[in-house]
């Protein structure tokens, strides 16, 4: 079973040849499943064009939104989140992974469950040396993060993170409790383990930015869940791989690490 996970494409028509070449490379890998883990393209027409690159791929195609996909433009962030992005995802032949758990057959009669969420940041990744509470971090976000300028939904970061975490935790628990499921792959947009989010106490900018780079609360949920063997995330444009100790054994945790104009992917052969 070959699973290919990409993220942070940030599709731009001026770089179409690069993205078309990447889509060709993806197809050449002959994946049994493709997951696009957020920051696909903005505005909505570019989100669609990015997904259309994979139209010829004959396998299940799954998608999570990223923060940039929710930037207001021709419509507000709430409409994008609740209506436009899920609809466009399905119309382009992808599954909106935020609402579904996907089960795929493995060798030997085993079953893989893929459980995912955008996983919004809840400030649990804040730099340890900064003595800032949630209110201060909410107010300071506009100093370092354009999400404060271009996301106009009515919910706070913490409220959105908790909402998504509850729904994700329910899907994850159901997958873990399913006797037919032998292995779980978790995919998120926002990283969920401390190992994956660098700490730069020498930099005021990156120290503050760290609060909006991860959701370690979600990571604790995943670490305590049996059957999770792999976690793949995006968001911070940093590639990496770590062995993280989970409840029932080590978890292979990875970041995709796409760069501007250089889309990348993690390939898992399970």
C-alpha atoms as a PDB file:
ATOM      1  CA  UNK A   1       0.000   0.000   0.000  1.00  0.00           C
ATOM      2  CA  UNK A   2       1.643   3.218  -1.159  1.00  0.00           C
ATOM      3  CA  UNK A   3       0.297   6.453   0.358  1.00  0.00           C
ATOM      4  CA  UNK A   4       1.564   9.775  -0.980  1.00  0.00           C
ATOM      5  CA  UNK A   5       1.010  12.893   1.149  1.00  0.00           C
ATOM      6  CA  UNK A   6       1.721  16.414  -0.051  1.00  0.00           C
ATOM      7  CA  UNK A   7       0.944  19.821   1.438  1.00  0.00           C
ATOM      8  CA  UNK A   8       1.574  23.545   1.025  1.00  0.00           C
ATOM      9  CA  UNK A   9       1.387  23.615  -2.760  1.00  0.00           C
ATOM     10  CA  UNK A  10       0.310  27.285  -2.841  1.00  0.00           C
ATOM     11  CA  UNK A  11      -0.520  26.840  -6.528  1.00  0.00           C
ATOM     12  CA  UNK A  12       0.296  29.773  -8.846  1.00  0.00           C
ATOM     13  CA  UNK A  13      -0.422  29.851 -12.615  1.00  0.00           C
ATOM     14  CA  UNK A  14       2.960  31.500 -13.252  1.00  0.00           C
ATOM     15  CA  UNK A  15       4.585  28.279 -12.042  1.00  0.00           C
ATOM     16  CA  UNK A  16       2.220  25.875 -13.742  1.00  0.00           C
ATOM     17  CA  UNK A  17       5.035  23.934 -15.425  1.00  0.00           C
ATOM     18  CA  UNK A  18       6.571  23.177 -12.025  1.00  0.00           C
ATOM     19  CA  UNK A  19       3.252  21.977 -10.623  1.00  0.00           C
ATOM     20  CA  UNK A  20       2.451  19.947 -13.739  1.00  0.00           C
ATOM     21  CA  UNK A  21       5.843  18.241 -13.454  1.00  0.00           C
ATOM     22  CA  UNK A  22       5.162  17.487  -9.796  1.00  0.00           C
ATOM     23  CA  UNK A  23       1.761  16.006 -10.682  1.00  0.00           C
ATOM     24  CA  UNK A  24       3.484  13.845 -13.290  1.00  0.00           C
ATOM     25  CA  UNK A  25       5.963  12.660 -10.685  1.00  0.00           C
ATOM     26  CA  UNK A  26       3.091  11.824  -8.320  1.00  0.00           C
ATOM     27  CA  UNK A  27       1.396   9.754 -11.009  1.00  0.00           C
ATOM     28  CA  UNK A  28       4.673   7.947 -11.745  1.00  0.00           C
ATOM     29  CA  UNK A  29       4.832   6.825  -8.099  1.00  0.00           C
ATOM     30  CA  UNK A  30       1.629   4.840  -8.724  1.00  0.00           C
ATOM     31  CA  UNK A  31       0.161   5.636  -5.301  1.00  0.00           C
ATOM     32  CA  UNK A  32      -2.747   3.676  -3.904  1.00  0.00           C
ATOM     33  CA  UNK A  33      -3.949   6.879  -2.217  1.00  0.00           C
ATOM     34  CA  UNK A  34      -3.097  10.598  -2.450  1.00  0.00           C
ATOM     35  CA  UNK A  35      -3.578  13.025   0.445  1.00  0.00           C
ATOM     36  CA  UNK A  36      -3.275  16.794  -0.022  1.00  0.00           C
ATOM     37  CA  UNK A  37      -2.887  18.245   3.469  1.00  0.00           C
ATOM     38  CA  UNK A  38      -3.780  21.891   3.102  1.00  0.00           C
ATOM     39  CA  UNK A  39      -2.661  25.213   1.627  1.00  0.00           C
ATOM     40  CA  UNK A  40      -3.643  24.093  -1.843  1.00  0.00           C
ATOM     41  CA  UNK A  41      -4.317  27.412  -3.555  1.00  0.00           C
ATOM     42  CA  UNK A  42      -6.024  30.757  -3.047  1.00  0.00           C
ATOM     43  CA  UNK A  43      -8.434  32.133  -4.239  1.00  0.00           C
ATOM     44  CA  UNK A  44     -10.934  29.344  -4.895  1.00  0.00           C
ATOM     45  CA  UNK A  45     -10.271  29.164  -8.646  1.00  0.00           C
ATOM     46  CA  UNK A  46      -6.601  28.371  -7.928  1.00  0.00           C
ATOM     47  CA  UNK A  47      -7.626  25.841  -5.289  1.00  0.00           C
ATOM     48  CA  UNK A  48      -9.581  24.079  -8.028  1.00  0.00           C
ATOM     49  CA  UNK A  49      -6.784  24.310 -10.584  1.00  0.00           C
ATOM     50  CA  UNK A  50      -4.354  22.715  -8.176  1.00  0.00           C
ATOM     51  CA  UNK A  51      -6.674  19.769  -7.619  1.00  0.00           C
ATOM     52  CA  UNK A  52      -7.255  19.441 -11.367  1.00  0.00           C
ATOM     53  CA  UNK A  53      -3.552  18.653 -11.776  1.00  0.00           C
ATOM     54  CA  UNK A  54      -4.320  15.233 -10.278  1.00  0.00           C
ATOM     55  CA  UNK A  55      -7.459  14.545 -12.322  1.00  0.00           C
ATOM     56  CA  UNK A  56      -5.838  11.580 -14.093  1.00  0.00           C
ATOM     57  CA  UNK A  57      -4.823   9.835 -10.891  1.00  0.00           C
ATOM     58  CA  UNK A  58      -6.804   6.614 -10.510  1.00  0.00           C
ATOM     59  CA  UNK A  59      -6.852   6.153  -6.736  1.00  0.00           C
ATOM     60  CA  UNK A  60      -8.663   7.603  -3.714  1.00  0.00           C
ATOM     61  CA  UNK A  61      -7.752  11.286  -3.356  1.00  0.00           C
ATOM     62  CA  UNK A  62      -8.181  12.939   0.048  1.00  0.00           C
ATOM     63  CA  UNK A  63      -7.959  16.581   1.061  1.00  0.00           C
ATOM     64  CA  UNK A  64      -7.629  18.787   4.126  1.00  0.00           C
ATOM     65  CA  UNK A  65      -7.854  22.567   4.053  1.00  0.00           C
ATOM     66  CA  UNK A  66      -5.025  24.797   5.245  1.00  0.00           C
ATOM     67  CA  UNK A  67      -5.088  28.275   6.709  1.00  0.00           C
ATOM     68  CA  UNK A  68      -4.230  29.978   3.400  1.00  0.00           C
ATOM     69  CA  UNK A  69      -7.121  28.233   1.653  1.00  0.00           C
ATOM     70  CA  UNK A  70      -9.426  30.128   4.030  1.00  0.00           C
ATOM     71  CA  UNK A  71      -8.223  33.640   3.220  1.00  0.00           C
ATOM     72  CA  UNK A  72     -11.147  35.907   2.393  1.00  0.00           C
ATOM     73  CA  UNK A  73     -11.469  37.110  -1.183  1.00  0.00           C
ATOM     74  CA  UNK A  74     -14.506  36.646  -3.395  1.00  0.00           C
ATOM     75  CA  UNK A  75     -16.176  35.171  -0.302  1.00  0.00           C
ATOM     76  CA  UNK A  76     -15.619  35.258   3.433  1.00  0.00           C
ATOM     77  CA  UNK A  77     -13.686  32.658   5.428  1.00  0.00           C
ATOM     78  CA  UNK A  78     -16.776  31.142   7.040  1.00  0.00           C
ATOM     79  CA  UNK A  79     -18.408  30.516   3.665  1.00  0.00           C
ATOM     80  CA  UNK A  80     -15.184  29.016   2.345  1.00  0.00           C
ATOM     81  CA  UNK A  81     -14.896  26.684   5.337  1.00  0.00           C
ATOM     82  CA  UNK A  82     -18.506  25.587   5.621  1.00  0.00           C
ATOM     83  CA  UNK A  83     -19.544  25.481   1.958  1.00  0.00           C
ATOM     84  CA  UNK A  84     -17.204  26.452  -0.873  1.00  0.00           C
ATOM     85  CA  UNK A  85     -14.083  24.412  -0.086  1.00  0.00           C
ATOM     86  CA  UNK A  86     -15.903  21.141   0.726  1.00  0.00           C
ATOM     87  CA  UNK A  87     -18.037  21.516  -2.403  1.00  0.00           C
ATOM     88  CA  UNK A  88     -15.072  22.295  -4.678  1.00  0.00           C
ATOM     89  CA  UNK A  89     -13.121  19.400  -3.160  1.00  0.00           C
ATOM     90  CA  UNK A  90     -15.852  16.898  -3.970  1.00  0.00           C
ATOM     91  CA  UNK A  91     -16.523  18.344  -7.415  1.00  0.00           C
ATOM     92  CA  UNK A  92     -12.847  17.855  -8.307  1.00  0.00           C
ATOM     93  CA  UNK A  93     -12.951  14.196  -7.302  1.00  0.00           C
ATOM     94  CA  UNK A  94     -11.426  14.450  -3.820  1.00  0.00           C
ATOM     95  CA  UNK A  95     -12.768  13.359  -0.431  1.00  0.00           C
ATOM     96  CA  UNK A  96     -13.117  16.063   2.260  1.00  0.00           C
ATOM     97  CA  UNK A  97     -11.106  14.253   4.952  1.00  0.00           C
ATOM     98  CA  UNK A  98     -12.238  16.621   7.725  1.00  0.00           C
ATOM     99  CA  UNK A  99     -15.565  14.779   7.813  1.00  0.00           C
ATOM    100  CA  UNK A 100     -14.649  11.193   6.937  1.00  0.00           C
ATOM    101  CA  UNK A 101     -12.419   8.311   7.977  1.00  0.00           C
ATOM    102  CA  UNK A 102     -11.045   6.368   5.034  1.00  0.00           C
ATOM    103  CA  UNK A 103     -10.349   2.642   5.315  1.00  0.00           C
ATOM    104  CA  UNK A 104      -8.037   0.918   2.859  1.00  0.00           C
ATOM    105  CA  UNK A 105      -7.069  -2.769   2.611  1.00  0.00           C
ATOM    106  CA  UNK A 106      -3.538  -3.816   3.514  1.00  0.00           C
ATOM    107  CA  UNK A 107      -1.811  -7.130   2.832  1.00  0.00           C
ATOM    108  CA  UNK A 108      -2.775 -10.099   4.957  1.00  0.00           C
ATOM    109  CA  UNK A 109      -6.376  -9.038   5.414  1.00  0.00           C
ATOM    110  CA  UNK A 110      -5.442  -6.016   7.535  1.00  0.00           C
ATOM    111  CA  UNK A 111      -7.061  -2.584   7.247  1.00  0.00           C
ATOM    112  CA  UNK A 112      -5.548   0.914   7.346  1.00  0.00           C
ATOM    113  CA  UNK A 113      -7.630   3.838   8.596  1.00  0.00           C
ATOM    114  CA  UNK A 114      -6.697   7.377   7.539  1.00  0.00           C
ATOM    115  CA  UNK A 115      -7.941  10.026   9.969  1.00  0.00           C
ATOM    116  CA  UNK A 116      -7.253  13.703   9.353  1.00  0.00           C
ATOM    117  CA  UNK A 117      -7.912  17.266  10.387  1.00  0.00           C
ATOM    118  CA  UNK A 118      -6.704  20.732   9.543  1.00  0.00           C
ATOM    119  CA  UNK A 119      -5.992  20.988  13.274  1.00  0.00           C
ATOM    120  CA  UNK A 120      -5.994  24.746  13.879  1.00  0.00           C
ATOM    121  CA  UNK A 121      -3.435  26.153  16.335  1.00  0.00           C
ATOM    122  CA  UNK A 122      -4.519  26.647  19.959  1.00  0.00           C
ATOM    123  CA  UNK A 123      -1.330  28.410  21.206  1.00  0.00           C
ATOM    124  CA  UNK A 124      -0.111  25.213  22.894  1.00  0.00           C
ATOM    125  CA  UNK A 125       3.024  25.530  20.732  1.00  0.00           C
ATOM    126  CA  UNK A 126       3.885  28.929  22.223  1.00  0.00           C
ATOM    127  CA  UNK A 127       7.578  29.506  22.898  1.00  0.00           C
ATOM    128  CA  UNK A 128       8.310  28.389  26.466  1.00  0.00           C
ATOM    129  CA  UNK A 129      10.243  31.565  27.324  1.00  0.00           C
ATOM    130  CA  UNK A 130       7.439  33.960  26.322  1.00  0.00           C
ATOM    131  CA  UNK A 131       5.107  34.826  29.189  1.00  0.00           C
ATOM    132  CA  UNK A 132       2.066  35.579  27.025  1.00  0.00           C
ATOM    133  CA  UNK A 133      -1.440  34.348  27.753  1.00  0.00           C
ATOM    134  CA  UNK A 134      -4.070  33.505  25.138  1.00  0.00           C
ATOM    135  CA  UNK A 135      -5.420  37.058  25.007  1.00  0.00           C
ATOM    136  CA  UNK A 136      -1.960  38.475  24.406  1.00  0.00           C
ATOM    137  CA  UNK A 137      -1.223  35.924  21.694  1.00  0.00           C
ATOM    138  CA  UNK A 138      -4.532  36.669  20.006  1.00  0.00           C
ATOM    139  CA  UNK A 139      -3.715  40.369  19.942  1.00  0.00           C
ATOM    140  CA  UNK A 140      -0.100  39.879  18.839  1.00  0.00           C
ATOM    141  CA  UNK A 141      -0.864  37.591  15.891  1.00  0.00           C
ATOM    142  CA  UNK A 142      -1.294  40.502  13.499  1.00  0.00           C
ATOM    143  CA  UNK A 143       2.365  41.437  14.087  1.00  0.00           C
ATOM    144  CA  UNK A 144       3.730  38.242  12.501  1.00  0.00           C
ATOM    145  CA  UNK A 145       0.958  36.242  10.815  1.00  0.00           C
ATOM    146  CA  UNK A 146      -1.269  37.225   7.883  1.00  0.00           C
ATOM    147  CA  UNK A 147      -4.006  34.920   9.154  1.00  0.00           C
ATOM    148  CA  UNK A 148      -4.973  37.864  11.358  1.00  0.00           C
ATOM    149  CA  UNK A 149      -5.490  40.018   8.254  1.00  0.00           C
ATOM    150  CA  UNK A 150      -7.202  37.596   5.881  1.00  0.00           C
ATOM    151  CA  UNK A 151      -9.243  35.152   7.972  1.00  0.00           C
ATOM    152  CA  UNK A 152     -12.509  36.779   8.991  1.00  0.00           C
ATOM    153  CA  UNK A 153     -14.596  33.979  10.464  1.00  0.00           C
ATOM    154  CA  UNK A 154     -16.232  34.767  13.834  1.00  0.00           C
ATOM    155  CA  UNK A 155     -14.393  32.167  15.924  1.00  0.00           C
ATOM    156  CA  UNK A 156     -11.247  32.603  17.990  1.00  0.00           C
ATOM    157  CA  UNK A 157      -8.221  30.431  17.284  1.00  0.00           C
ATOM    158  CA  UNK A 158      -8.684  28.492  20.511  1.00  0.00           C
ATOM    159  CA  UNK A 159     -12.413  27.921  19.882  1.00  0.00           C
ATOM    160  CA  UNK A 160     -11.783  26.694  16.324  1.00  0.00           C
ATOM    161  CA  UNK A 161      -8.966  24.411  17.463  1.00  0.00           C
ATOM    162  CA  UNK A 162     -11.147  22.864  20.161  1.00  0.00           C
ATOM    163  CA  UNK A 163     -14.050  22.366  17.747  1.00  0.00           C
ATOM    164  CA  UNK A 164     -11.874  20.553  15.233  1.00  0.00           C
ATOM    165  CA  UNK A 165     -10.107  18.561  17.952  1.00  0.00           C
ATOM    166  CA  UNK A 166     -13.369  17.208  19.372  1.00  0.00           C
ATOM    167  CA  UNK A 167     -14.563  16.014  15.997  1.00  0.00           C
ATOM    168  CA  UNK A 168     -11.151  14.571  15.105  1.00  0.00           C
ATOM    169  CA  UNK A 169     -10.838  12.796  18.460  1.00  0.00           C
ATOM    170  CA  UNK A 170     -14.219  11.153  17.919  1.00  0.00           C
ATOM    171  CA  UNK A 171     -13.243   9.841  14.478  1.00  0.00           C
ATOM    172  CA  UNK A 172      -9.868   8.706  15.787  1.00  0.00           C
ATOM    173  CA  UNK A 173     -11.434   6.883  18.740  1.00  0.00           C
ATOM    174  CA  UNK A 174     -13.903   5.111  16.475  1.00  0.00           C
ATOM    175  CA  UNK A 175     -11.101   3.964  14.179  1.00  0.00           C
ATOM    176  CA  UNK A 176      -9.005   2.724  17.114  1.00  0.00           C
ATOM    177  CA  UNK A 177     -11.994   0.842  18.521  1.00  0.00           C
ATOM    178  CA  UNK A 178     -12.839  -0.836  15.234  1.00  0.00           C
ATOM    179  CA  UNK A 179     -11.543  -4.432  15.409  1.00  0.00           C
ATOM    180  CA  UNK A 180     -11.217  -4.465  11.624  1.00  0.00           C
ATOM    181  CA  UNK A 181      -8.665  -1.615  11.743  1.00  0.00           C
ATOM    182  CA  UNK A 182      -5.105  -2.736  12.421  1.00  0.00           C
ATOM    183  CA  UNK A 183      -3.219   0.485  11.701  1.00  0.00           C
ATOM    184  CA  UNK A 184      -3.990   4.230  11.685  1.00  0.00           C
ATOM    185  CA  UNK A 185      -2.370   6.990   9.648  1.00  0.00           C
ATOM    186  CA  UNK A 186      -3.048  10.490  10.970  1.00  0.00           C
ATOM    187  CA  UNK A 187      -2.716  13.454   8.595  1.00  0.00           C
ATOM    188  CA  UNK A 188      -2.936  17.073   9.740  1.00  0.00           C
ATOM    189  CA  UNK A 189      -2.175  20.438   8.238  1.00  0.00           C
ATOM    190  CA  UNK A 190      -0.791  21.912  11.463  1.00  0.00           C
ATOM    191  CA  UNK A 191       2.047  19.942  13.133  1.00  0.00           C
ATOM    192  CA  UNK A 192       1.062  18.290  16.397  1.00  0.00           C
ATOM    193  CA  UNK A 193       4.360  17.217  17.980  1.00  0.00           C
ATOM    194  CA  UNK A 194       6.903  19.439  19.696  1.00  0.00           C
ATOM    195  CA  UNK A 195       9.790  17.750  17.878  1.00  0.00           C
ATOM    196  CA  UNK A 196       8.446  19.111  14.588  1.00  0.00           C
ATOM    197  CA  UNK A 197       8.205  22.791  15.551  1.00  0.00           C
ATOM    198  CA  UNK A 198      11.564  24.542  15.991  1.00  0.00           C
ATOM    199  CA  UNK A 199      12.180  26.914  18.880  1.00  0.00           C
ATOM    200  CA  UNK A 200      14.309  30.013  18.220  1.00  0.00           C
ATOM    201  CA  UNK A 201      14.574  31.967  21.469  1.00  0.00           C
ATOM    202  CA  UNK A 202      17.120  34.304  19.871  1.00  0.00           C
ATOM    203  CA  UNK A 203      14.484  35.590  17.423  1.00  0.00           C
ATOM    204  CA  UNK A 204      11.570  37.720  18.610  1.00  0.00           C
ATOM    205  CA  UNK A 205       9.698  37.106  15.351  1.00  0.00           C
ATOM    206  CA  UNK A 206       9.993  33.299  15.350  1.00  0.00           C
ATOM    207  CA  UNK A 207       9.430  33.052  19.075  1.00  0.00           C
ATOM    208  CA  UNK A 208       6.073  34.765  18.668  1.00  0.00           C
ATOM    209  CA  UNK A 209       5.282  32.933  15.420  1.00  0.00           C
ATOM    210  CA  UNK A 210       5.693  29.560  17.150  1.00  0.00           C
ATOM    211  CA  UNK A 211       2.297  29.960  18.856  1.00  0.00           C
ATOM    212  CA  UNK A 212       0.622  29.779  15.423  1.00  0.00           C
ATOM    213  CA  UNK A 213       2.736  26.907  14.104  1.00  0.00           C
ATOM    214  CA  UNK A 214       1.374  23.867  15.924  1.00  0.00           C
ATOM    215  CA  UNK A 215      -1.220  22.202  18.121  1.00  0.00           C
ATOM    216  CA  UNK A 216       0.440  20.042  20.768  1.00  0.00           C
ATOM    217  CA  UNK A 217      -2.883  19.434  22.526  1.00  0.00           C
ATOM    218  CA  UNK A 218      -3.910  17.422  19.475  1.00  0.00           C
ATOM    219  CA  UNK A 219      -0.623  15.591  19.639  1.00  0.00           C
ATOM    220  CA  UNK A 220      -1.388  14.359  23.152  1.00  0.00           C
ATOM    221  CA  UNK A 221      -4.663  12.900  21.867  1.00  0.00           C
ATOM    222  CA  UNK A 222      -2.830  11.063  19.088  1.00  0.00           C
ATOM    223  CA  UNK A 223      -0.070   9.792  21.384  1.00  0.00           C
ATOM    224  CA  UNK A 224      -2.672   8.256  23.670  1.00  0.00           C
ATOM    225  CA  UNK A 225      -4.495   6.449  20.885  1.00  0.00           C
ATOM    226  CA  UNK A 226      -3.616   2.834  20.030  1.00  0.00           C
ATOM    227  CA  UNK A 227      -2.932   1.690  16.464  1.00  0.00           C
ATOM    228  CA  UNK A 228      -1.499   5.040  15.295  1.00  0.00           C
ATOM    229  CA  UNK A 229       1.743   4.236  13.485  1.00  0.00           C
ATOM    230  CA  UNK A 230       2.294   7.291  11.268  1.00  0.00           C
ATOM    231  CA  UNK A 231       1.577  11.029  11.436  1.00  0.00           C
ATOM    232  CA  UNK A 232       2.222  13.406   8.526  1.00  0.00           C
ATOM    233  CA  UNK A 233       1.759  17.194   8.668  1.00  0.00           C
ATOM    234  CA  UNK A 234       2.556  20.335   6.685  1.00  0.00           C
ATOM    235  CA  UNK A 235       2.101  24.065   7.359  1.00  0.00           C
ATOM    236  CA  UNK A 236       5.596  25.185   8.365  1.00  0.00           C
ATOM    237  CA  UNK A 237       7.496  24.388   5.134  1.00  0.00           C
ATOM    238  CA  UNK A 238      10.065  22.304   6.959  1.00  0.00           C
ATOM    239  CA  UNK A 239      10.898  18.703   6.098  1.00  0.00           C
ATOM    240  CA  UNK A 240      11.657  16.270   8.885  1.00  0.00           C
ATOM    241  CA  UNK A 241      11.162  12.826  10.377  1.00  0.00           C
ATOM    242  CA  UNK A 242      11.083  11.767  14.031  1.00  0.00           C
ATOM    243  CA  UNK A 243      10.266   8.669  16.068  1.00  0.00           C
ATOM    244  CA  UNK A 244       7.728   9.703  18.721  1.00  0.00           C
ATOM    245  CA  UNK A 245       6.714   7.415  21.598  1.00  0.00           C
ATOM    246  CA  UNK A 246       3.018   6.567  21.420  1.00  0.00           C
ATOM    247  CA  UNK A 247       0.777   4.539  23.695  1.00  0.00           C
ATOM    248  CA  UNK A 248       1.307   1.276  21.849  1.00  0.00           C
ATOM    249  CA  UNK A 249       4.709   1.869  20.294  1.00  0.00           C
ATOM    250  CA  UNK A 250       6.763   4.318  18.249  1.00  0.00           C
ATOM    251  CA  UNK A 251       5.033   6.666  15.820  1.00  0.00           C
ATOM    252  CA  UNK A 252       6.741   7.669  12.580  1.00  0.00           C
ATOM    253  CA  UNK A 253       6.125  11.449  12.460  1.00  0.00           C
ATOM    254  CA  UNK A 254       6.967  13.452   9.349  1.00  0.00           C
ATOM    255  CA  UNK A 255       6.662  16.930   7.864  1.00  0.00           C
ATOM    256  CA  UNK A 256       6.187  17.352   4.117  1.00  0.00           C
ATOM    257  CA  UNK A 257       8.462  20.368   3.722  1.00  0.00           C
ATOM    258  CA  UNK A 258       7.279  21.952   0.470  1.00  0.00           C
ATOM    259  CA  UNK A 259       9.057  25.202  -0.388  1.00  0.00           C
ATOM    260  CA  UNK A 260       7.966  28.095  -2.595  1.00  0.00           C
ATOM    261  CA  UNK A 261       7.839  26.750  -6.133  1.00  0.00           C
ATOM    262  CA  UNK A 262       9.160  23.377  -4.933  1.00  0.00           C
ATOM    263  CA  UNK A 263       6.270  21.061  -4.025  1.00  0.00           C
ATOM    264  CA  UNK A 264       7.282  17.959  -2.112  1.00  0.00           C
ATOM    265  CA  UNK A 265       5.664  14.802  -0.797  1.00  0.00           C
ATOM    266  CA  UNK A 266       6.071  12.087   1.787  1.00  0.00           C
ATOM    267  CA  UNK A 267       5.763   8.569   0.384  1.00  0.00           C
ATOM    268  CA  UNK A 268       4.704   5.819   2.790  1.00  0.00           C
ATOM    269  CA  UNK A 269       4.893   2.174   1.766  1.00  0.00           C
ATOM    270  CA  UNK A 270       2.780   0.382   4.349  1.00  0.00           C
END
